[in-house]
């Protein structure tokens, strides 16, 4: 996609990747809706991010 985001995060082994991605996408979508679209509450039915994501690992020295 032409408009996509790359994020490099360190995730502890006790958390699942899908849990972290869901949290980041959920909280960032709420903040974007509040800040730029003027919505204060009731975000049901609104979609900001696409459903999928891609995960790749990076070595400690990279």
Protein backbone atom coordinates (compact mmCIF):
# COMPACT_ATOMS: atom_id res chain seq x y z
CA UNK A 1 0.00 0.00 0.00
CA UNK A 2 1.18 3.51 -0.67
CA UNK A 3 0.15 4.80 2.74
CA UNK A 4 1.50 2.46 5.39
CA UNK A 5 3.39 2.78 8.66
CA UNK A 6 6.59 1.08 9.84
CA UNK A 7 7.04 0.74 13.60
CA UNK A 8 9.94 -0.86 15.42
CA UNK A 9 9.01 -1.98 18.94
CA UNK A 10 10.46 -4.28 21.54
CA UNK A 11 7.86 -6.73 22.84
CA UNK A 12 8.51 -8.82 25.96
CA UNK A 13 8.06 -12.57 25.46
CA UNK A 14 5.10 -12.75 27.85
CA UNK A 15 2.94 -10.68 25.46
CA UNK A 16 1.62 -11.96 22.16
CA UNK A 17 2.31 -9.96 19.02
CA UNK A 18 -1.39 -9.82 18.11
CA UNK A 19 -2.20 -8.42 21.56
CA UNK A 20 0.37 -5.63 21.18
CA UNK A 21 -0.70 -4.79 17.61
CA UNK A 22 -4.36 -4.72 18.65
CA UNK A 23 -3.57 -2.39 21.54
CA UNK A 24 -1.46 -0.01 19.42
CA UNK A 25 -3.96 0.10 16.55
CA UNK A 26 -6.90 0.57 18.91
CA UNK A 27 -5.42 3.34 21.04
CA UNK A 28 -3.91 5.21 18.10
CA UNK A 29 -7.20 5.10 16.17
CA UNK A 30 -9.04 6.58 19.16
CA UNK A 31 -6.48 9.37 19.49
CA UNK A 32 -6.60 10.15 15.76
CA UNK A 33 -10.40 10.27 15.80
CA UNK A 34 -10.37 12.57 18.83
CA UNK A 35 -7.61 14.88 17.63
CA UNK A 36 -8.30 15.18 13.91
CA UNK A 37 -11.92 14.15 13.39
CA UNK A 38 -13.40 15.82 16.45
CA UNK A 39 -15.11 12.73 17.91
CA UNK A 40 -15.12 12.63 21.70
CA UNK A 41 -16.74 9.24 22.35
CA UNK A 42 -18.76 6.40 20.79
CA UNK A 43 -16.27 5.06 18.25
CA UNK A 44 -18.33 1.99 17.40
CA UNK A 45 -18.70 1.34 13.71
CA UNK A 46 -15.75 3.53 12.71
CA UNK A 47 -12.68 1.92 11.15
CA UNK A 48 -9.31 3.61 10.77
CA UNK A 49 -6.69 0.89 10.32
CA UNK A 50 -6.96 -2.05 7.95
CA UNK A 51 -7.53 -5.48 9.49
CA UNK A 52 -4.15 -6.98 8.66
CA UNK A 53 -0.58 -6.41 9.73
CA UNK A 54 2.87 -7.76 8.95
CA UNK A 55 5.42 -8.76 11.59
CA UNK A 56 9.11 -9.33 11.08
CA UNK A 57 11.83 -9.98 13.63
CA UNK A 58 15.05 -8.04 13.93
CA UNK A 59 18.19 -9.29 15.65
CA UNK A 60 19.42 -7.58 18.77
CA UNK A 61 22.43 -6.03 16.99
CA UNK A 62 20.47 -4.54 14.09
